[in-house]
């Protein structure tokens, strides 16, 4: 049984990790931490866990946590993660970090979008944890940087086109919508019910959203050249889910049938990517609570552009589910272990 700690367990990602790991036959959660709720039982913070997980939340003391667990999930905000991850690595623990702290390879790029990095020596060691793209490297890694939710939906939506050099990377536009849980659990006026209900708004407009650099980094690796995208995120008045509509211009004229064949071949055997048939497009309702990414696409006959629609649950494939998928790969478990659940519908 693999002993696992969840550092930062009192956020939405933390409770999602606990919900999914409760059904994982090879994992025992032995430690949960929260700076704000230390001393409380996790089931007091999240009553959905009552009677199933009633562990006491502890303060974040890395050495003591490392004594209790072999594998660490760090579900902390950026900067907070890089203050403790180096200690876990030095103590021989394997880590999946769900913050942004180890996603970017270049410390100068990280400083540009966030702040100076406290452990830049680990950036080259960290593996970007998108299994469908980095599976072999994830298996050997001690530190995996779990991808952001928006980048997951966009990269999976574009990977076959870029890998096969079928689109012009300079023409990519990604228009994404997210549920409110994507903003985290901390109290913010702009996320109050009365602020978001019956509304639909763009934010981070004009190329300023912090998920842009990791998205471009990974798309460039797929394309074999620098990629600059136009990305606009939107907030939708729902709890969870991301839908990305992605536009690009083909290098040569393509048909929908031809591109669907490319996607079906590329994702053949992938346990969590479902390519929809021609004329079908995905809904966030059909992946809610699951680790699936559903993808539909078409070629606009008027403009010739490719349009790809990609959906995920931002808390599962966009966070906790993907983190557990990475844990499975790193430990030689079946990749779907603990993640077999279907979407919640309605």
Protein backbone atom coordinates (compact mmCIF):
# COMPACT_ATOMS: atom_id res chain seq x y z
CA UNK A 1 0.00 0.00 0.00
CA UNK A 2 1.42 3.37 -1.05
CA UNK A 3 1.31 5.93 1.76
CA UNK A 4 0.27 9.34 0.40
CA UNK A 5 0.15 12.83 1.87
CA UNK A 6 -1.99 15.67 0.53
CA UNK A 7 -0.36 19.00 1.32
CA UNK A 8 -3.01 21.70 1.05
CA UNK A 9 -6.04 19.44 1.46
CA UNK A 10 -8.65 22.06 2.31
CA UNK A 11 -9.14 23.45 -1.21
CA UNK A 12 -11.33 22.12 -3.99
CA UNK A 13 -8.45 20.15 -5.47
CA UNK A 14 -7.65 18.64 -2.07
CA UNK A 15 -11.16 17.34 -1.48
CA UNK A 16 -11.29 16.01 -5.05
CA UNK A 17 -8.06 14.10 -4.43
CA UNK A 18 -9.58 12.60 -1.27
CA UNK A 19 -12.84 11.70 -3.05
CA UNK A 20 -11.00 9.85 -5.80
CA UNK A 21 -8.29 8.26 -3.64
CA UNK A 22 -10.92 6.82 -1.30
CA UNK A 23 -11.67 4.33 -4.11
CA UNK A 24 -8.02 3.65 -4.98
CA UNK A 25 -7.10 0.10 -3.89
CA UNK A 26 -3.33 0.70 -3.80
CA UNK A 27 -3.25 3.99 -1.86
CA UNK A 28 -3.64 4.93 1.80
CA UNK A 29 -3.86 8.63 2.63
CA UNK A 30 -1.78 9.00 5.78
CA UNK A 31 -1.50 12.78 6.14
CA UNK A 32 -3.53 15.86 5.17
CA UNK A 33 -2.46 19.43 5.84
CA UNK A 34 -4.03 22.87 5.96
CA UNK A 35 -2.57 26.04 7.38
CA UNK A 36 -5.97 27.67 7.87
CA UNK A 37 -7.81 24.63 9.23
CA UNK A 38 -5.10 22.76 11.15
CA UNK A 39 -6.53 20.93 14.16
CA UNK A 40 -9.90 20.38 12.52
CA UNK A 41 -11.02 17.12 10.99
CA UNK A 42 -11.14 17.20 7.21
CA UNK A 43 -14.78 16.08 7.40
CA UNK A 44 -15.59 19.28 9.31
CA UNK A 45 -14.24 21.30 6.41
CA UNK A 46 -15.86 19.03 3.81
CA UNK A 47 -18.95 17.23 5.22
CA UNK A 48 -19.11 15.07 2.07
CA UNK A 49 -16.21 13.09 3.60
CA UNK A 50 -17.97 12.40 6.92
CA UNK A 51 -17.63 8.79 8.00
CA UNK A 52 -15.18 8.03 5.19
CA UNK A 53 -12.27 10.33 5.85
CA UNK A 54 -12.15 12.00 9.28
CA UNK A 55 -8.41 12.64 9.52
CA UNK A 56 -7.07 15.62 11.43
CA UNK A 57 -5.64 18.40 9.31
CA UNK A 58 -2.05 19.14 10.27
CA UNK A 59 0.26 22.11 9.95
CA UNK A 60 2.68 22.06 7.05
CA UNK A 61 5.93 20.65 8.49
CA UNK A 62 7.72 18.96 5.56
CA UNK A 63 10.08 16.69 7.53
CA UNK A 64 7.29 15.34 9.73
CA UNK A 65 5.02 14.86 6.71
CA UNK A 66 7.78 12.99 4.88
CA UNK A 67 8.01 10.56 7.82
CA UNK A 68 4.37 9.65 7.29
CA UNK A 69 4.22 9.27 3.50
CA UNK A 70 6.16 7.94 0.55
CA UNK A 71 4.37 10.01 -2.09
CA UNK A 72 3.32 13.65 -1.83
CA UNK A 73 0.65 15.68 -3.59
CA UNK A 74 1.26 19.41 -3.14
CA UNK A 75 -2.03 21.21 -3.75
CA UNK A 76 -0.75 24.63 -2.75
CA UNK A 77 -0.79 28.05 -4.41
CA UNK A 78 2.21 29.03 -6.52
CA UNK A 79 5.22 30.12 -4.46
CA UNK A 80 3.94 28.13 -1.46
CA UNK A 81 4.68 24.90 -3.32
CA UNK A 82 8.28 25.74 -4.22
CA UNK A 83 8.97 26.56 -0.58
CA UNK A 84 8.41 22.91 0.43
CA UNK A 85 8.85 20.71 -2.67
CA UNK A 86 12.70 20.84 -2.56
CA UNK A 87 12.62 19.41 0.97
CA UNK A 88 10.41 16.52 -0.08
CA UNK A 89 12.69 15.75 -3.03
CA UNK A 90 15.82 15.87 -0.83
CA UNK A 91 14.14 13.43 1.57
CA UNK A 92 13.65 10.97 -1.28
CA UNK A 93 9.92 11.44 -1.76
CA UNK A 94 8.19 11.48 -5.14
CA UNK A 95 5.99 14.51 -5.71
CA UNK A 96 3.14 15.56 -7.97
CA UNK A 97 2.84 19.32 -7.66
CA UNK A 98 -0.51 20.79 -8.66
CA UNK A 99 0.64 24.42 -8.56
CA UNK A 100 2.28 26.31 -11.42
CA UNK A 101 5.69 26.31 -9.75
CA UNK A 102 7.37 23.58 -11.82
CA UNK A 103 5.47 23.70 -15.11
CA UNK A 104 7.77 26.15 -16.89
CA UNK A 105 11.25 24.97 -17.92
CA UNK A 106 12.83 28.43 -18.01
CA UNK A 107 13.25 30.26 -14.67
CA UNK A 108 13.31 33.60 -16.51
CA UNK A 109 9.94 32.81 -18.05
CA UNK A 110 8.59 31.85 -14.63
CA UNK A 111 9.84 35.13 -13.17
CA UNK A 112 8.19 37.05 -16.01
CA UNK A 113 4.75 35.60 -15.31
CA UNK A 114 4.99 34.99 -11.56
CA UNK A 115 8.08 35.96 -9.51
CA UNK A 116 11.71 34.84 -9.06
CA UNK A 117 11.88 31.07 -8.62
CA UNK A 118 13.18 29.72 -5.30
CA UNK A 119 14.42 26.38 -6.66
CA UNK A 120 15.25 26.88 -10.35
CA UNK A 121 17.55 23.83 -10.26
CA UNK A 122 14.46 21.62 -10.06
CA UNK A 123 12.82 23.03 -13.20
CA UNK A 124 14.95 20.88 -15.49
CA UNK A 125 14.20 17.82 -13.36
CA UNK A 126 10.44 18.34 -13.30
CA UNK A 127 8.36 16.54 -15.94
CA UNK A 128 5.24 18.17 -17.34
CA UNK A 129 2.53 15.75 -16.28
CA UNK A 130 0.30 15.36 -19.33
CA UNK A 131 0.21 11.55 -19.67
CA UNK A 132 -0.98 11.48 -23.27
CA UNK A 133 2.16 13.40 -24.27
CA UNK A 134 4.80 12.66 -21.60
CA UNK A 135 3.91 9.17 -20.33
CA UNK A 136 7.39 7.61 -20.58
CA UNK A 137 9.13 10.51 -18.81
CA UNK A 138 6.44 10.64 -16.11
CA UNK A 139 7.11 7.00 -15.28
CA UNK A 140 10.73 7.79 -14.41
CA UNK A 141 10.19 11.14 -12.71
CA UNK A 142 10.55 12.07 -9.05
CA UNK A 143 8.85 15.44 -9.58
CA UNK A 144 5.87 15.86 -11.88
CA UNK A 145 4.32 19.25 -12.58
CA UNK A 146 0.61 18.65 -12.96
CA UNK A 147 -0.69 20.75 -15.88
CA UNK A 148 -3.11 23.64 -15.54
CA UNK A 149 -6.74 23.04 -16.40
CA UNK A 150 -6.97 25.37 -19.41
CA UNK A 151 -3.69 24.07 -20.90
CA UNK A 152 -4.88 20.47 -20.53
CA UNK A 153 -7.98 21.15 -22.60
CA UNK A 154 -6.08 23.12 -25.24
CA UNK A 155 -3.02 20.88 -25.58
CA UNK A 156 -5.09 17.70 -25.87
CA UNK A 157 -7.31 19.48 -28.40
CA UNK A 158 -4.35 20.44 -30.60
CA UNK A 159 -1.74 17.70 -30.09
CA UNK A 160 -2.61 15.56 -33.15
CA UNK A 161 -2.70 18.57 -35.48
CA UNK A 162 0.64 19.93 -34.29
CA UNK A 163 2.40 16.59 -34.10
CA UNK A 164 1.40 15.80 -37.69
CA UNK A 165 2.26 19.38 -38.81
CA UNK A 166 -1.27 19.83 -40.19
CA UNK A 167 -1.90 23.42 -39.03
CA UNK A 168 -0.06 26.72 -39.07
CA UNK A 169 0.95 27.29 -35.40
CA UNK A 170 0.80 31.06 -35.90
CA UNK A 171 -2.98 30.94 -36.45
CA UNK A 172 -4.12 29.31 -33.19
CA UNK A 173 -6.94 30.97 -31.25
CA UNK A 174 -8.21 29.35 -28.04
CA UNK A 175 -11.47 30.57 -26.56
CA UNK A 176 -12.07 28.85 -23.20
CA UNK A 177 -14.84 28.85 -20.59
CA UNK A 178 -14.48 27.64 -17.01
CA UNK A 179 -16.67 26.98 -14.02
CA UNK A 180 -16.12 29.03 -10.88
CA UNK A 181 -14.15 26.34 -9.00
CA UNK A 182 -11.27 27.10 -11.36
CA UNK A 183 -10.63 30.22 -9.29
CA UNK A 184 -10.08 28.21 -6.09
CA UNK A 185 -11.86 28.23 -2.73
CA UNK A 186 -10.51 31.41 -1.18
CA UNK A 187 -13.06 34.16 -0.60
CA UNK A 188 -13.11 36.69 -3.46
CA UNK A 189 -15.81 39.25 -4.14
CA UNK A 190 -15.79 38.55 -7.88
CA UNK A 191 -16.65 34.88 -7.20
CA UNK A 192 -19.62 35.47 -4.91
CA UNK A 193 -22.93 34.00 -6.07
CA UNK A 194 -24.47 37.39 -6.84
CA UNK A 195 -21.38 38.37 -8.84
CA UNK A 196 -21.35 35.33 -11.13
CA UNK A 197 -24.96 34.11 -11.27
CA UNK A 198 -26.76 34.95 -14.53
CA UNK A 199 -23.52 36.38 -15.90
CA UNK A 200 -20.87 35.34 -18.40
CA UNK A 201 -17.66 37.31 -18.64
CA UNK A 202 -14.19 37.28 -20.13
CA UNK A 203 -11.15 37.89 -17.95
CA UNK A 204 -7.39 37.88 -18.41
CA UNK A 205 -8.04 39.46 -21.83
CA UNK A 206 -5.16 40.51 -24.03
CA UNK A 207 -2.61 37.74 -23.53
CA UNK A 208 -2.09 38.19 -19.79
CA UNK A 209 -3.43 34.92 -18.32
CA UNK A 210 -0.74 32.91 -16.51
CA UNK A 211 -1.64 29.66 -18.27
CA UNK A 212 -0.39 31.06 -21.59
CA UNK A 213 3.35 30.32 -21.13
CA UNK A 214 2.90 26.66 -20.22
CA UNK A 215 0.43 26.18 -23.06
CA UNK A 216 2.82 27.75 -25.58
CA UNK A 217 5.77 25.83 -24.15
CA UNK A 218 4.07 22.46 -24.64
CA UNK A 219 2.53 23.32 -28.01
CA UNK A 220 5.97 24.41 -29.24
CA UNK A 221 7.44 21.05 -28.25
CA UNK A 222 4.72 19.30 -30.22
CA UNK A 223 5.09 21.61 -33.24
CA UNK A 224 8.88 21.66 -33.24
CA UNK A 225 8.87 25.45 -33.42
CA UNK A 226 7.89 28.50 -31.39
CA UNK A 227 4.13 28.87 -30.93
CA UNK A 228 2.26 32.03 -29.96
CA UNK A 229 -1.47 31.71 -29.35
CA UNK A 230 -4.37 34.07 -28.79
CA UNK A 231 -6.06 32.88 -25.59
CA UNK A 232 -9.10 34.35 -23.86
CA UNK A 233 -10.61 32.68 -20.78
CA UNK A 234 -14.20 33.21 -19.64
CA UNK A 235 -16.04 32.60 -16.38
CA UNK A 236 -19.34 30.69 -16.64
CA UNK A 237 -21.85 30.50 -13.75
CA UNK A 238 -21.45 26.77 -13.11
CA UNK A 239 -19.47 24.86 -10.48
CA UNK A 240 -17.04 22.91 -12.64
CA UNK A 241 -16.04 22.17 -16.20
CA UNK A 242 -13.98 23.68 -19.00
CA UNK A 243 -14.90 24.00 -22.66
CA UNK A 244 -12.25 25.20 -25.10
CA UNK A 245 -13.13 26.12 -28.67
CA UNK A 246 -9.90 26.21 -30.67
CA UNK A 247 -9.40 27.62 -34.19
CA UNK A 248 -6.49 27.12 -36.56
CA UNK A 249 -5.71 27.28 -40.28
CA UNK A 250 -4.60 24.04 -41.99
CA UNK A 251 -1.35 23.99 -43.92
CA UNK A 252 -3.25 22.34 -46.78
CA UNK A 253 -6.98 21.91 -47.27
CA UNK A 254 -8.46 19.20 -45.04
CA UNK A 255 -11.78 17.44 -44.65
CA UNK A 256 -13.46 16.70 -41.34
CA UNK A 257 -13.28 12.96 -42.05
CA UNK A 258 -9.53 13.12 -42.68
CA UNK A 259 -8.84 14.98 -39.44
CA UNK A 260 -11.09 12.73 -37.38
CA UNK A 261 -9.09 9.77 -38.66
CA UNK A 262 -5.91 11.52 -37.47
CA UNK A 263 -7.38 12.08 -34.00
CA UNK A 264 -8.72 8.55 -33.70
CA UNK A 265 -5.33 7.12 -34.57
CA UNK A 266 -3.42 9.51 -32.29
CA UNK A 267 -5.61 8.80 -29.26
CA UNK A 268 -6.17 5.10 -29.91
CA UNK A 269 -5.78 3.22 -26.63
CA UNK A 270 -5.80 6.36 -24.49
CA UNK A 271 -8.05 5.57 -21.51
CA UNK A 272 -9.27 9.12 -20.91
CA UNK A 273 -9.54 10.81 -24.30
CA UNK A 274 -12.72 10.24 -26.30
CA UNK A 275 -12.91 11.46 -29.90
CA UNK A 276 -16.48 12.11 -30.95
CA UNK A 277 -17.87 11.13 -34.37
CA UNK A 278 -18.45 13.67 -37.14
CA UNK A 279 -21.24 16.11 -36.37
CA UNK A 280 -21.01 15.57 -32.59
CA UNK A 281 -19.53 18.09 -30.18
CA UNK A 282 -18.83 17.62 -26.48
CA UNK A 283 -20.56 19.09 -23.45
CA UNK A 284 -19.06 19.70 -20.02
CA UNK A 285 -22.10 17.86 -18.63
CA UNK A 286 -20.81 14.64 -20.19
CA UNK A 287 -17.45 14.70 -18.35
CA UNK A 288 -18.55 16.18 -15.00
CA UNK A 289 -16.90 14.31 -12.14
CA UNK A 290 -14.85 12.12 -14.50
CA UNK A 291 -11.28 12.07 -15.78
CA UNK A 292 -12.32 12.16 -19.44
CA UNK A 293 -11.42 14.69 -22.09
CA UNK A 294 -13.98 14.65 -24.90
CA UNK A 295 -13.01 16.15 -28.27
CA UNK A 296 -15.10 17.04 -31.31
CA UNK A 297 -13.95 18.79 -34.45
CA UNK A 298 -14.94 20.01 -37.86
CA UNK A 299 -13.59 21.95 -40.82
CA UNK A 300 -15.46 25.18 -41.54
CA UNK A 301 -16.24 24.88 -45.26
CA UNK A 302 -16.59 28.66 -45.62
CA UNK A 303 -13.24 29.68 -44.08
CA UNK A 304 -11.29 26.43 -44.31
CA UNK A 305 -10.37 26.70 -40.64
CA UNK A 306 -10.25 23.73 -38.31
CA UNK A 307 -12.48 24.08 -35.24
CA UNK A 308 -11.78 21.82 -32.28
CA UNK A 309 -13.99 21.66 -29.18
CA UNK A 310 -12.42 20.08 -26.09
CA UNK A 311 -14.07 19.58 -22.68
CA UNK A 312 -12.81 18.43 -19.29
CA UNK A 313 -13.82 18.64 -15.65
CA UNK A 314 -11.35 21.24 -14.35
CA UNK A 315 -11.15 19.55 -10.93
CA UNK A 316 -10.59 16.04 -12.29
CA UNK A 317 -8.74 15.80 -15.63
CA UNK A 318 -7.77 19.44 -15.05
CA UNK A 319 -6.34 18.78 -11.57
CA UNK A 320 -6.89 15.90 -9.12
CA UNK A 321 -7.75 13.14 -11.59
CA UNK A 322 -4.76 13.88 -13.76
CA UNK A 323 -2.57 13.98 -10.64
CA UNK A 324 -3.75 10.48 -9.70
CA UNK A 325 -3.23 9.34 -13.28
CA UNK A 326 0.36 10.55 -12.88
CA UNK A 327 0.69 8.76 -9.53
CA UNK A 328 -0.42 5.53 -11.20
CA UNK A 329 2.12 5.89 -13.99
CA UNK A 330 4.95 6.76 -11.57
CA UNK A 331 4.24 3.72 -9.42
CA UNK A 332 3.55 1.16 -12.10
CA UNK A 333 -0.15 0.85 -11.28
CA UNK A 334 -2.77 0.45 -14.02
CA UNK A 335 -3.25 3.98 -15.31
CA UNK A 336 -7.02 4.03 -14.74
CA UNK A 337 -6.87 2.76 -11.16
CA UNK A 338 -9.16 4.82 -8.95
CA UNK A 339 -10.36 6.80 -11.96
CA UNK A 340 -12.83 4.40 -13.55
CA UNK A 341 -15.92 6.38 -12.54
CA UNK A 342 -18.17 7.70 -15.27
CA UNK A 343 -19.46 11.26 -15.42
CA UNK A 344 -22.26 12.42 -13.15
CA UNK A 345 -25.40 13.03 -15.23
CA UNK A 346 -27.67 14.86 -14.93
